[in-house]
């Protein structure tokens, strides 16, 4: 993030809108349906379907956090913006850790078929 706080906020918005949200859509539309067809019933002692449902719910929650962040930003509520950025980034980190076993499952299946 550049030295200007405004530049940092712009970079954060750009990151979410151009990297995170398109990634989320690809997961839901492409990856999750494929994972459900692989036939693994559990990933890390959790039902694969339940984990996917949980990840989709994370996506919805992150979208709500982002909408609230944009609302506060447009209303000039700068005192809460930094907190919300941290909250979104922490949610994203937790989400990535949760979805990693699914990525590994898919990779294992693809490599097995080579």
PDB file of N, CA and C in Angstrom:
ATOM      1  N   UNK A   1       0.859  -1.178   0.000  1.00  0.00           N
ATOM      2  CA  UNK A   1       0.000   0.000   0.000  1.00  0.00           C
ATOM      3  C   UNK A   1       0.894   1.226   0.000  1.00  0.00           C
ATOM      4  N   UNK A   2       0.562   2.164  -0.841  1.00  0.00           N
ATOM      5  CA  UNK A   2       1.345   3.399  -0.941  1.00  0.00           C
ATOM      6  C   UNK A   2       1.272   4.195   0.346  1.00  0.00           C
ATOM      7  N   UNK A   3       2.039   5.273   0.426  1.00  0.00           N
ATOM      8  CA  UNK A   3       2.129   6.055   1.656  1.00  0.00           C
ATOM      9  C   UNK A   3       0.850   6.814   1.989  1.00  0.00           C
ATOM     10  N   UNK A   4       0.051   7.174   1.010  1.00  0.00           N
ATOM     11  CA  UNK A   4      -1.181   7.912   1.257  1.00  0.00           C
ATOM     12  C   UNK A   4      -2.292   6.960   1.713  1.00  0.00           C
ATOM     13  N   UNK A   5      -2.972   7.286   2.817  1.00  0.00           N
ATOM     14  CA  UNK A   5      -4.080   6.424   3.263  1.00  0.00           C
ATOM     15  C   UNK A   5      -5.163   6.276   2.201  1.00  0.00           C
ATOM     16  N   UNK A   6      -5.419   7.341   1.449  1.00  0.00           N
ATOM     17  CA  UNK A   6      -6.433   7.269   0.397  1.00  0.00           C
ATOM     18  C   UNK A   6      -6.017   6.285  -0.688  1.00  0.00           C
ATOM     19  N   UNK A   7      -4.733   6.291  -1.045  1.00  0.00           N
ATOM     20  CA  UNK A   7      -4.238   5.326  -2.022  1.00  0.00           C
ATOM     21  C   UNK A   7      -4.392   3.899  -1.493  1.00  0.00           C
ATOM     22  N   UNK A   8      -4.138   3.722  -0.209  1.00  0.00           N
ATOM     23  CA  UNK A   8      -4.288   2.402   0.395  1.00  0.00           C
ATOM     24  C   UNK A   8      -5.722   1.911   0.339  1.00  0.00           C
ATOM     25  N   UNK A   9      -6.664   2.786   0.599  1.00  0.00           N
ATOM     26  CA  UNK A   9      -8.086   2.423   0.526  1.00  0.00           C
ATOM     27  C   UNK A   9      -8.458   2.086  -0.908  1.00  0.00           C
ATOM     28  N   UNK A  10      -7.972   2.871  -1.854  1.00  0.00           N
ATOM     29  CA  UNK A  10      -8.250   2.596  -3.269  1.00  0.00           C
ATOM     30  C   UNK A  10      -7.659   1.253  -3.692  1.00  0.00           C
ATOM     31  N   UNK A  11      -6.464   0.952  -3.245  1.00  0.00           N
ATOM     32  CA  UNK A  11      -5.842  -0.330  -3.566  1.00  0.00           C
ATOM     33  C   UNK A  11      -6.613  -1.487  -2.934  1.00  0.00           C
ATOM     34  N   UNK A  12      -7.103  -1.288  -1.729  1.00  0.00           N
ATOM     35  CA  UNK A  12      -7.900  -2.305  -1.052  1.00  0.00           C
ATOM     36  C   UNK A  12      -9.177  -2.581  -1.842  1.00  0.00           C
ATOM     37  N   UNK A  13      -9.860  -1.536  -2.248  1.00  0.00           N
ATOM     38  CA  UNK A  13     -11.086  -1.682  -3.040  1.00  0.00           C
ATOM     39  C   UNK A  13     -10.784  -2.388  -4.358  1.00  0.00           C
ATOM     40  N   UNK A  14      -9.716  -1.974  -5.012  1.00  0.00           N
ATOM     41  CA  UNK A  14      -9.318  -2.597  -6.275  1.00  0.00           C
ATOM     42  C   UNK A  14      -9.020  -4.083  -6.080  1.00  0.00           C
ATOM     43  N   UNK A  15      -8.310  -4.412  -5.016  1.00  0.00           N
ATOM     44  CA  UNK A  15      -7.985  -5.805  -4.713  1.00  0.00           C
ATOM     45  C   UNK A  15      -9.253  -6.636  -4.543  1.00  0.00           C
ATOM     46  N   UNK A  16     -10.195  -6.145  -3.766  1.00  0.00           N
ATOM     47  CA  UNK A  16     -11.423  -6.902  -3.539  1.00  0.00           C
ATOM     48  C   UNK A  16     -12.247  -7.029  -4.814  1.00  0.00           C
ATOM     49  N   UNK A  17     -12.436  -5.916  -5.506  1.00  0.00           N
ATOM     50  CA  UNK A  17     -13.330  -5.929  -6.664  1.00  0.00           C
ATOM     51  C   UNK A  17     -12.735  -6.642  -7.877  1.00  0.00           C
ATOM     52  N   UNK A  18     -11.421  -6.607  -8.024  1.00  0.00           N
ATOM     53  CA  UNK A  18     -10.810  -7.166  -9.225  1.00  0.00           C
ATOM     54  C   UNK A  18     -10.099  -8.498  -9.012  1.00  0.00           C
ATOM     55  N   UNK A  19      -9.864  -8.865  -7.763  1.00  0.00           N
ATOM     56  CA  UNK A  19      -9.186 -10.131  -7.475  1.00  0.00           C
ATOM     57  C   UNK A  19     -10.088 -11.057  -6.642  1.00  0.00           C
ATOM     58  N   UNK A  20     -10.480 -10.594  -5.472  1.00  0.00           N
ATOM     59  CA  UNK A  20     -11.190 -11.460  -4.529  1.00  0.00           C
ATOM     60  C   UNK A  20     -12.588 -11.831  -5.025  1.00  0.00           C
ATOM     61  N   UNK A  21     -13.380 -10.849  -5.427  1.00  0.00           N
ATOM     62  CA  UNK A  21     -14.758 -11.156  -5.819  1.00  0.00           C
ATOM     63  C   UNK A  21     -14.843 -11.991  -7.097  1.00  0.00           C
ATOM     64  N   UNK A  22     -14.025 -11.732  -8.118  1.00  0.00           N
ATOM     65  CA  UNK A  22     -14.041 -12.648  -9.277  1.00  0.00           C
ATOM     66  C   UNK A  22     -13.582 -14.069  -8.907  1.00  0.00           C
ATOM     67  N   UNK A  23     -12.611 -14.164  -8.007  1.00  0.00           N
ATOM     68  CA  UNK A  23     -12.160 -15.480  -7.525  1.00  0.00           C
ATOM     69  C   UNK A  23     -13.313 -16.212  -6.844  1.00  0.00           C
ATOM     70  N   UNK A  24     -14.037 -15.488  -6.036  1.00  0.00           N
ATOM     71  CA  UNK A  24     -15.176 -16.060  -5.319  1.00  0.00           C
ATOM     72  C   UNK A  24     -16.210 -16.602  -6.308  1.00  0.00           C
ATOM     73  N   UNK A  25     -16.491 -15.848  -7.345  1.00  0.00           N
ATOM     74  CA  UNK A  25     -17.462 -16.291  -8.345  1.00  0.00           C
ATOM     75  C   UNK A  25     -16.978 -17.554  -9.062  1.00  0.00           C
ATOM     76  N   UNK A  26     -15.683 -17.612  -9.384  1.00  0.00           N
ATOM     77  CA  UNK A  26     -15.138 -18.810 -10.037  1.00  0.00           C
ATOM     78  C   UNK A  26     -15.226 -20.021  -9.110  1.00  0.00           C
ATOM     79  N   UNK A  27     -15.001 -19.816  -7.828  1.00  0.00           N
ATOM     80  CA  UNK A  27     -15.138 -20.919  -6.873  1.00  0.00           C
ATOM     81  C   UNK A  27     -16.560 -21.458  -6.892  1.00  0.00           C
ATOM     82  N   UNK A  28     -17.518 -20.569  -6.738  1.00  0.00           N
ATOM     83  CA  UNK A  28     -18.907 -20.999  -6.630  1.00  0.00           C
ATOM     84  C   UNK A  28     -19.430 -21.598  -7.933  1.00  0.00           C
ATOM     85  N   UNK A  29     -19.038 -21.035  -9.065  1.00  0.00           N
ATOM     86  CA  UNK A  29     -19.571 -21.479 -10.351  1.00  0.00           C
ATOM     87  C   UNK A  29     -18.812 -22.646 -10.955  1.00  0.00           C
ATOM     88  N   UNK A  30     -17.516 -22.721 -10.708  1.00  0.00           N
ATOM     89  CA  UNK A  30     -16.690 -23.724 -11.378  1.00  0.00           C
ATOM     90  C   UNK A  30     -16.117 -24.779 -10.429  1.00  0.00           C
ATOM     91  N   UNK A  31     -15.435 -24.326  -9.387  1.00  0.00           N
ATOM     92  CA  UNK A  31     -14.694 -25.259  -8.550  1.00  0.00           C
ATOM     93  C   UNK A  31     -15.593 -26.085  -7.621  1.00  0.00           C
ATOM     94  N   UNK A  32     -16.488 -25.441  -6.903  1.00  0.00           N
ATOM     95  CA  UNK A  32     -17.300 -26.174  -5.934  1.00  0.00           C
ATOM     96  C   UNK A  32     -18.132 -27.287  -6.588  1.00  0.00           C
ATOM     97  N   UNK A  33     -18.784 -27.032  -7.737  1.00  0.00           N
ATOM     98  CA  UNK A  33     -19.526 -28.131  -8.366  1.00  0.00           C
ATOM     99  C   UNK A  33     -18.629 -29.312  -8.755  1.00  0.00           C
ATOM    100  N   UNK A  34     -17.427 -29.027  -9.221  1.00  0.00           N
ATOM    101  CA  UNK A  34     -16.503 -30.100  -9.590  1.00  0.00           C
ATOM    102  C   UNK A  34     -16.108 -30.895  -8.352  1.00  0.00           C
ATOM    103  N   UNK A  35     -15.817 -30.213  -7.280  1.00  0.00           N
ATOM    104  CA  UNK A  35     -15.414 -30.905  -6.049  1.00  0.00           C
ATOM    105  C   UNK A  35     -16.520 -31.836  -5.560  1.00  0.00           C
ATOM    106  N   UNK A  36     -17.758 -31.407  -5.697  1.00  0.00           N
ATOM    107  CA  UNK A  36     -18.862 -32.259  -5.259  1.00  0.00           C
ATOM    108  C   UNK A  36     -18.980 -33.526  -6.107  1.00  0.00           C
ATOM    109  N   UNK A  37     -18.481 -33.497  -7.348  1.00  0.00           N
ATOM    110  CA  UNK A  37     -18.550 -34.687  -8.201  1.00  0.00           C
ATOM    111  C   UNK A  37     -17.387 -35.649  -7.973  1.00  0.00           C
ATOM    112  N   UNK A  38     -16.362 -35.223  -7.259  1.00  0.00           N
ATOM    113  CA  UNK A  38     -15.184 -36.064  -7.040  1.00  0.00           C
ATOM    114  C   UNK A  38     -15.515 -37.286  -6.192  1.00  0.00           C
ATOM    115  N   UNK A  39     -16.448 -37.131  -5.288  1.00  0.00           N
ATOM    116  CA  UNK A  39     -16.876 -38.277  -4.500  1.00  0.00           C
ATOM    117  C   UNK A  39     -16.291 -38.365  -3.107  1.00  0.00           C
ATOM    118  N   UNK A  40     -15.427 -37.424  -2.737  1.00  0.00           N
ATOM    119  CA  UNK A  40     -14.918 -37.409  -1.366  1.00  0.00           C
ATOM    120  C   UNK A  40     -16.030 -36.904  -0.451  1.00  0.00           C
ATOM    121  N   UNK A  41     -16.344 -37.684   0.548  1.00  0.00           N
ATOM    122  CA  UNK A  41     -17.437 -37.293   1.440  1.00  0.00           C
ATOM    123  C   UNK A  41     -16.991 -36.362   2.552  1.00  0.00           C
ATOM    124  N   UNK A  42     -15.713 -36.467   2.923  1.00  0.00           N
ATOM    125  CA  UNK A  42     -15.207 -35.659   4.025  1.00  0.00           C
ATOM    126  C   UNK A  42     -13.875 -35.031   3.666  1.00  0.00           C
ATOM    127  N   UNK A  43     -13.679 -33.833   4.194  1.00  0.00           N
ATOM    128  CA  UNK A  43     -12.407 -33.133   4.100  1.00  0.00           C
ATOM    129  C   UNK A  43     -12.115 -32.607   5.493  1.00  0.00           C
ATOM    130  N   UNK A  44     -10.997 -33.054   6.067  1.00  0.00           N
ATOM    131  CA  UNK A  44     -10.622 -32.640   7.432  1.00  0.00           C
ATOM    132  C   UNK A  44     -11.753 -32.853   8.431  1.00  0.00           C
ATOM    133  N   UNK A  45     -12.320 -34.058   8.404  1.00  0.00           N
ATOM    134  CA  UNK A  45     -13.378 -34.460   9.339  1.00  0.00           C
ATOM    135  C   UNK A  45     -14.658 -33.632   9.223  1.00  0.00           C
ATOM    136  N   UNK A  46     -14.868 -33.031   8.079  1.00  0.00           N
ATOM    137  CA  UNK A  46     -16.085 -32.269   7.847  1.00  0.00           C
ATOM    138  C   UNK A  46     -16.675 -32.713   6.517  1.00  0.00           C
ATOM    139  N   UNK A  47     -17.980 -32.798   6.447  1.00  0.00           N
ATOM    140  CA  UNK A  47     -18.639 -33.140   5.195  1.00  0.00           C
ATOM    141  C   UNK A  47     -18.218 -32.146   4.113  1.00  0.00           C
ATOM    142  N   UNK A  48     -17.869 -32.665   2.940  1.00  0.00           N
ATOM    143  CA  UNK A  48     -17.445 -31.798   1.840  1.00  0.00           C
ATOM    144  C   UNK A  48     -18.540 -30.790   1.508  1.00  0.00           C
ATOM    145  N   UNK A  49     -19.776 -31.266   1.434  1.00  0.00           N
ATOM    146  CA  UNK A  49     -20.904 -30.360   1.132  1.00  0.00           C
ATOM    147  C   UNK A  49     -21.062 -29.310   2.223  1.00  0.00           C
ATOM    148  N   UNK A  50     -20.939 -29.709   3.484  1.00  0.00           N
ATOM    149  CA  UNK A  50     -21.055 -28.748   4.581  1.00  0.00           C
ATOM    150  C   UNK A  50     -19.952 -27.696   4.513  1.00  0.00           C
ATOM    151  N   UNK A  51     -18.743 -28.130   4.181  1.00  0.00           N
ATOM    152  CA  UNK A  51     -17.633 -27.183   4.059  1.00  0.00           C
ATOM    153  C   UNK A  51     -17.889 -26.202   2.921  1.00  0.00           C
ATOM    154  N   UNK A  52     -18.356 -26.703   1.798  1.00  0.00           N
ATOM    155  CA  UNK A  52     -18.668 -25.815   0.671  1.00  0.00           C
ATOM    156  C   UNK A  52     -19.783 -24.848   1.048  1.00  0.00           C
ATOM    157  N   UNK A  53     -20.807 -25.335   1.709  1.00  0.00           N
ATOM    158  CA  UNK A  53     -21.892 -24.449   2.162  1.00  0.00           C
ATOM    159  C   UNK A  53     -21.358 -23.371   3.102  1.00  0.00           C
ATOM    160  N   UNK A  54     -20.453 -23.762   3.974  1.00  0.00           N
ATOM    161  CA  UNK A  54     -19.843 -22.808   4.908  1.00  0.00           C
ATOM    162  C   UNK A  54     -19.027 -21.753   4.152  1.00  0.00           C
ATOM    163  N   UNK A  55     -18.293 -22.182   3.144  1.00  0.00           N
ATOM    164  CA  UNK A  55     -17.496 -21.241   2.351  1.00  0.00           C
ATOM    165  C   UNK A  55     -18.387 -20.277   1.576  1.00  0.00           C
ATOM    166  N   UNK A  56     -19.493 -20.767   1.047  1.00  0.00           N
ATOM    167  CA  UNK A  56     -20.433 -19.891   0.339  1.00  0.00           C
ATOM    168  C   UNK A  56     -21.027 -18.882   1.316  1.00  0.00           C
ATOM    169  N   UNK A  57     -21.321 -19.330   2.507  1.00  0.00           N
ATOM    170  CA  UNK A  57     -21.826 -18.403   3.536  1.00  0.00           C
ATOM    171  C   UNK A  57     -20.766 -17.350   3.878  1.00  0.00           C
ATOM    172  N   UNK A  58     -19.492 -17.769   3.944  1.00  0.00           N
ATOM    173  CA  UNK A  58     -18.400 -16.807   4.145  1.00  0.00           C
ATOM    174  C   UNK A  58     -18.399 -15.749   3.049  1.00  0.00           C
ATOM    175  N   UNK A  59     -18.611 -16.185   1.810  1.00  0.00           N
ATOM    176  CA  UNK A  59     -18.653 -15.249   0.683  1.00  0.00           C
ATOM    177  C   UNK A  59     -19.744 -14.206   0.890  1.00  0.00           C
ATOM    178  N   UNK A  60     -20.907 -14.659   1.300  1.00  0.00           N
ATOM    179  CA  UNK A  60     -22.037 -13.740   1.530  1.00  0.00           C
ATOM    180  C   UNK A  60     -21.717 -12.762   2.659  1.00  0.00           C
ATOM    181  N   UNK A  61     -21.120 -13.277   3.729  1.00  0.00           N
ATOM    182  CA  UNK A  61     -20.770 -12.407   4.857  1.00  0.00           C
ATOM    183  C   UNK A  61     -19.721 -11.371   4.447  1.00  0.00           C
ATOM    184  N   UNK A  62     -18.742 -11.800   3.667  1.00  0.00           N
ATOM    185  CA  UNK A  62     -17.710 -10.876   3.222  1.00  0.00           C
ATOM    186  C   UNK A  62     -18.323  -9.767   2.347  1.00  0.00           C
ATOM    187  N   UNK A  63     -19.266 -10.149   1.514  1.00  0.00           N
ATOM    188  CA  UNK A  63     -19.962  -9.170   0.676  1.00  0.00           C
ATOM    189  C   UNK A  63     -20.711  -8.156   1.550  1.00  0.00           C
ATOM    190  N   UNK A  64     -21.355  -8.625   2.604  1.00  0.00           N
ATOM    191  CA  UNK A  64     -22.059  -7.720   3.524  1.00  0.00           C
ATOM    192  C   UNK A  64     -21.074  -6.771   4.212  1.00  0.00           C
ATOM    193  N   UNK A  65     -19.940  -7.312   4.661  1.00  0.00           N
ATOM    194  CA  UNK A  65     -18.918  -6.475   5.293  1.00  0.00           C
ATOM    195  C   UNK A  65     -18.421  -5.408   4.314  1.00  0.00           C
ATOM    196  N   UNK A  66     -18.229  -5.827   3.067  1.00  0.00           N
ATOM    197  CA  UNK A  66     -17.730  -4.896   2.056  1.00  0.00           C
ATOM    198  C   UNK A  66     -18.767  -3.808   1.754  1.00  0.00           C
ATOM    199  N   UNK A  67     -20.028  -4.180   1.629  1.00  0.00           N
ATOM    200  CA  UNK A  67     -21.085  -3.192   1.387  1.00  0.00           C
ATOM    201  C   UNK A  67     -21.150  -2.183   2.529  1.00  0.00           C
ATOM    202  N   UNK A  68     -21.032  -2.674   3.756  1.00  0.00           N
ATOM    203  CA  UNK A  68     -21.041  -1.793   4.926  1.00  0.00           C
ATOM    204  C   UNK A  68     -19.822  -0.869   4.910  1.00  0.00           C
ATOM    205  N   UNK A  69     -18.670  -1.420   4.544  1.00  0.00           N
ATOM    206  CA  UNK A  69     -17.445  -0.628   4.416  1.00  0.00           C
ATOM    207  C   UNK A  69     -17.643   0.485   3.392  1.00  0.00           C
ATOM    208  N   UNK A  70     -18.185   0.154   2.209  1.00  0.00           N
ATOM    209  CA  UNK A  70     -18.398   1.159   1.157  1.00  0.00           C
ATOM    210  C   UNK A  70     -19.390   2.224   1.614  1.00  0.00           C
ATOM    211  N   UNK A  71     -20.406   1.815   2.335  1.00  0.00           N
ATOM    212  CA  UNK A  71     -21.406   2.762   2.858  1.00  0.00           C
ATOM    213  C   UNK A  71     -20.744   3.732   3.829  1.00  0.00           C
ATOM    214  N   UNK A  72     -19.953   3.212   4.750  1.00  0.00           N
ATOM    215  CA  UNK A  72     -19.261   4.074   5.712  1.00  0.00           C
ATOM    216  C   UNK A  72     -18.257   4.987   5.017  1.00  0.00           C
ATOM    217  N   UNK A  73     -17.593   4.464   4.007  1.00  0.00           N
ATOM    218  CA  UNK A  73     -16.642   5.270   3.249  1.00  0.00           C
ATOM    219  C   UNK A  73     -17.348   6.421   2.545  1.00  0.00           C
ATOM    220  N   UNK A  74     -18.464   6.131   1.896  1.00  0.00           N
ATOM    221  CA  UNK A  74     -19.187   7.189   1.175  1.00  0.00           C
ATOM    222  C   UNK A  74     -19.828   8.199   2.123  1.00  0.00           C
ATOM    223  N   UNK A  75     -20.100   7.783   3.361  1.00  0.00           N
ATOM    224  CA  UNK A  75     -20.678   8.694   4.354  1.00  0.00           C
ATOM    225  C   UNK A  75     -19.607   9.408   5.183  1.00  0.00           C
ATOM    226  N   UNK A  76     -18.341   9.182   4.825  1.00  0.00           N
ATOM    227  CA  UNK A  76     -17.248   9.875   5.502  1.00  0.00           C
ATOM    228  C   UNK A  76     -16.952   9.390   6.907  1.00  0.00           C
ATOM    229  N   UNK A  77     -17.384   8.196   7.230  1.00  0.00           N
ATOM    230  CA  UNK A  77     -17.132   7.642   8.572  1.00  0.00           C
ATOM    231  C   UNK A  77     -15.745   7.001   8.611  1.00  0.00           C
ATOM    232  N   UNK A  78     -14.748   7.843   8.557  1.00  0.00           N
ATOM    233  CA  UNK A  78     -13.374   7.365   8.429  1.00  0.00           C
ATOM    234  C   UNK A  78     -12.851   6.672   9.685  1.00  0.00           C
ATOM    235  N   UNK A  79     -13.442   6.964  10.822  1.00  0.00           N
ATOM    236  CA  UNK A  79     -12.932   6.371  12.061  1.00  0.00           C
ATOM    237  C   UNK A  79     -13.111   4.857  12.102  1.00  0.00           C
ATOM    238  N   UNK A  80     -14.060   4.343  11.366  1.00  0.00           N
ATOM    239  CA  UNK A  80     -14.314   2.898  11.393  1.00  0.00           C
ATOM    240  C   UNK A  80     -13.703   2.173  10.194  1.00  0.00           C
ATOM    241  N   UNK A  81     -13.241   2.903   9.199  1.00  0.00           N
ATOM    242  CA  UNK A  81     -12.743   2.307   7.956  1.00  0.00           C
ATOM    243  C   UNK A  81     -11.572   1.354   8.205  1.00  0.00           C
ATOM    244  N   UNK A  82     -10.576   1.760   8.951  1.00  0.00           N
ATOM    245  CA  UNK A  82      -9.416   0.910   9.201  1.00  0.00           C
ATOM    246  C   UNK A  82      -9.824  -0.374   9.902  1.00  0.00           C
ATOM    247  N   UNK A  83     -10.713  -0.266  10.877  1.00  0.00           N
ATOM    248  CA  UNK A  83     -11.223  -1.451  11.566  1.00  0.00           C
ATOM    249  C   UNK A  83     -11.899  -2.390  10.566  1.00  0.00           C
ATOM    250  N   UNK A  84     -12.709  -1.843   9.679  1.00  0.00           N
ATOM    251  CA  UNK A  84     -13.422  -2.679   8.707  1.00  0.00           C
ATOM    252  C   UNK A  84     -12.467  -3.337   7.709  1.00  0.00           C
ATOM    253  N   UNK A  85     -11.440  -2.624   7.302  1.00  0.00           N
ATOM    254  CA  UNK A  85     -10.446  -3.222   6.404  1.00  0.00           C
ATOM    255  C   UNK A  85      -9.786  -4.414   7.094  1.00  0.00           C
ATOM    256  N   UNK A  86      -9.396  -4.229   8.333  1.00  0.00           N
ATOM    257  CA  UNK A  86      -8.779  -5.336   9.087  1.00  0.00           C
ATOM    258  C   UNK A  86      -9.745  -6.503   9.238  1.00  0.00           C
ATOM    259  N   UNK A  87     -11.000  -6.191   9.520  1.00  0.00           N
ATOM    260  CA  UNK A  87     -12.016  -7.222   9.690  1.00  0.00           C
ATOM    261  C   UNK A  87     -12.194  -8.028   8.387  1.00  0.00           C
ATOM    262  N   UNK A  88     -12.259  -7.342   7.265  1.00  0.00           N
ATOM    263  CA  UNK A  88     -12.412  -8.018   5.977  1.00  0.00           C
ATOM    264  C   UNK A  88     -11.184  -8.863   5.669  1.00  0.00           C
ATOM    265  N   UNK A  89     -10.003  -8.323   5.894  1.00  0.00           N
ATOM    266  CA  UNK A  89      -8.778  -9.077   5.623  1.00  0.00           C
ATOM    267  C   UNK A  89      -8.650 -10.293   6.535  1.00  0.00           C
ATOM    268  N   UNK A  90      -9.028 -10.159   7.803  1.00  0.00           N
ATOM    269  CA  UNK A  90      -9.004 -11.308   8.714  1.00  0.00           C
ATOM    270  C   UNK A  90     -10.003 -12.376   8.279  1.00  0.00           C
ATOM    271  N   UNK A  91     -11.190 -11.946   7.843  1.00  0.00           N
ATOM    272  CA  UNK A  91     -12.190 -12.891   7.332  1.00  0.00           C
ATOM    273  C   UNK A  91     -11.666 -13.604   6.096  1.00  0.00           C
ATOM    274  N   UNK A  92     -10.996 -12.860   5.242  1.00  0.00           N
ATOM    275  CA  UNK A  92     -10.431 -13.445   4.027  1.00  0.00           C
ATOM    276  C   UNK A  92      -9.353 -14.475   4.369  1.00  0.00           C
ATOM    277  N   UNK A  93      -8.509 -14.162   5.329  1.00  0.00           N
ATOM    278  CA  UNK A  93      -7.458 -15.093   5.747  1.00  0.00           C
ATOM    279  C   UNK A  93      -8.063 -16.384   6.301  1.00  0.00           C
ATOM    280  N   UNK A  94      -9.049 -16.258   7.153  1.00  0.00           N
ATOM    281  CA  UNK A  94      -9.723 -17.424   7.728  1.00  0.00           C
ATOM    282  C   UNK A  94     -10.385 -18.253   6.636  1.00  0.00           C
ATOM    283  N   UNK A  95     -11.005 -17.567   5.693  1.00  0.00           N
ATOM    284  CA  UNK A  95     -11.672 -18.245   4.583  1.00  0.00           C
ATOM    285  C   UNK A  95     -10.665 -19.042   3.744  1.00  0.00           C
ATOM    286  N   UNK A  96      -9.542 -18.437   3.441  1.00  0.00           N
ATOM    287  CA  UNK A  96      -8.515 -19.106   2.642  1.00  0.00           C
ATOM    288  C   UNK A  96      -8.024 -20.362   3.357  1.00  0.00           C
ATOM    289  N   UNK A  97      -7.834 -20.272   4.662  1.00  0.00           N
ATOM    290  CA  UNK A  97      -7.396 -21.437   5.430  1.00  0.00           C
ATOM    291  C   UNK A  97      -8.436 -22.553   5.395  1.00  0.00           C
ATOM    292  N   UNK A  98      -9.719 -22.187   5.406  1.00  0.00           N
ATOM    293  CA  UNK A  98     -10.787 -23.178   5.354  1.00  0.00           C
ATOM    294  C   UNK A  98     -10.871 -23.855   3.994  1.00  0.00           C
ATOM    295  N   UNK A  99     -10.654 -23.086   2.925  1.00  0.00           N
ATOM    296  CA  UNK A  99     -10.832 -23.642   1.586  1.00  0.00           C
ATOM    297  C   UNK A  99      -9.613 -24.404   1.078  1.00  0.00           C
ATOM    298  N   UNK A 100      -8.482 -24.234   1.705  1.00  0.00           N
ATOM    299  CA  UNK A 100      -7.256 -24.884   1.252  1.00  0.00           C
ATOM    300  C   UNK A 100      -7.405 -26.404   1.106  1.00  0.00           C
ATOM    301  N   UNK A 101      -8.043 -27.112   2.044  1.00  0.00           N
ATOM    302  CA  UNK A 101      -8.196 -28.563   1.860  1.00  0.00           C
ATOM    303  C   UNK A 101      -8.967 -28.927   0.586  1.00  0.00           C
ATOM    304  N   UNK A 102      -9.903 -28.084   0.176  1.00  0.00           N
ATOM    305  CA  UNK A 102     -10.632 -28.363  -1.065  1.00  0.00           C
ATOM    306  C   UNK A 102      -9.727 -28.193  -2.277  1.00  0.00           C
ATOM    307  N   UNK A 103      -8.879 -27.189  -2.249  1.00  0.00           N
ATOM    308  CA  UNK A 103      -7.920 -27.001  -3.339  1.00  0.00           C
ATOM    309  C   UNK A 103      -6.976 -28.204  -3.413  1.00  0.00           C
ATOM    310  N   UNK A 104      -6.541 -28.682  -2.259  1.00  0.00           N
ATOM    311  CA  UNK A 104      -5.650 -29.833  -2.218  1.00  0.00           C
ATOM    312  C   UNK A 104      -6.347 -31.094  -2.748  1.00  0.00           C
ATOM    313  N   UNK A 105      -7.608 -31.254  -2.397  1.00  0.00           N
ATOM    314  CA  UNK A 105      -8.380 -32.390  -2.871  1.00  0.00           C
ATOM    315  C   UNK A 105      -8.486 -32.375  -4.393  1.00  0.00           C
ATOM    316  N   UNK A 106      -8.797 -31.241  -4.945  1.00  0.00           N
ATOM    317  CA  UNK A 106      -8.921 -31.106  -6.398  1.00  0.00           C
ATOM    318  C   UNK A 106      -7.581 -31.342  -7.086  1.00  0.00           C
ATOM    319  N   UNK A 107      -6.529 -30.772  -6.544  1.00  0.00           N
ATOM    320  CA  UNK A 107      -5.197 -30.953  -7.112  1.00  0.00           C
ATOM    321  C   UNK A 107      -4.779 -32.426  -7.070  1.00  0.00           C
ATOM    322  N   UNK A 108      -5.036 -33.080  -5.967  1.00  0.00           N
ATOM    323  CA  UNK A 108      -4.702 -34.501  -5.807  1.00  0.00           C
ATOM    324  C   UNK A 108      -5.425 -35.342  -6.858  1.00  0.00           C
ATOM    325  N   UNK A 109      -6.685 -35.025  -7.087  1.00  0.00           N
ATOM    326  CA  UNK A 109      -7.479 -35.767  -8.065  1.00  0.00           C
ATOM    327  C   UNK A 109      -6.947 -35.545  -9.475  1.00  0.00           C
ATOM    328  N   UNK A 110      -6.616 -34.328  -9.810  1.00  0.00           N
ATOM    329  CA  UNK A 110      -6.095 -34.013 -11.147  1.00  0.00           C
ATOM    330  C   UNK A 110      -4.746 -34.686 -11.364  1.00  0.00           C
ATOM    331  N   UNK A 111      -3.865 -34.597 -10.391  1.00  0.00           N
ATOM    332  CA  UNK A 111      -2.532 -35.194 -10.525  1.00  0.00           C
ATOM    333  C   UNK A 111      -2.604 -36.717 -10.604  1.00  0.00           C
ATOM    334  N   UNK A 112      -3.561 -37.313  -9.911  1.00  0.00           N
ATOM    335  CA  UNK A 112      -3.735 -38.752  -9.919  1.00  0.00           C
ATOM    336  C   UNK A 112      -4.121 -39.241 -11.318  1.00  0.00           C
ATOM    337  N   UNK A 113      -4.844 -38.412 -12.052  1.00  0.00           N
ATOM    338  CA  UNK A 113      -5.311 -38.779 -13.385  1.00  0.00           C
ATOM    339  C   UNK A 113      -4.323 -38.468 -14.493  1.00  0.00           C
ATOM    340  N   UNK A 114      -3.160 -37.941 -14.167  1.00  0.00           N
ATOM    341  CA  UNK A 114      -2.159 -37.639 -15.206  1.00  0.00           C
ATOM    342  C   UNK A 114      -1.377 -38.871 -15.611  1.00  0.00           C
TER     343      UNK A 114
END
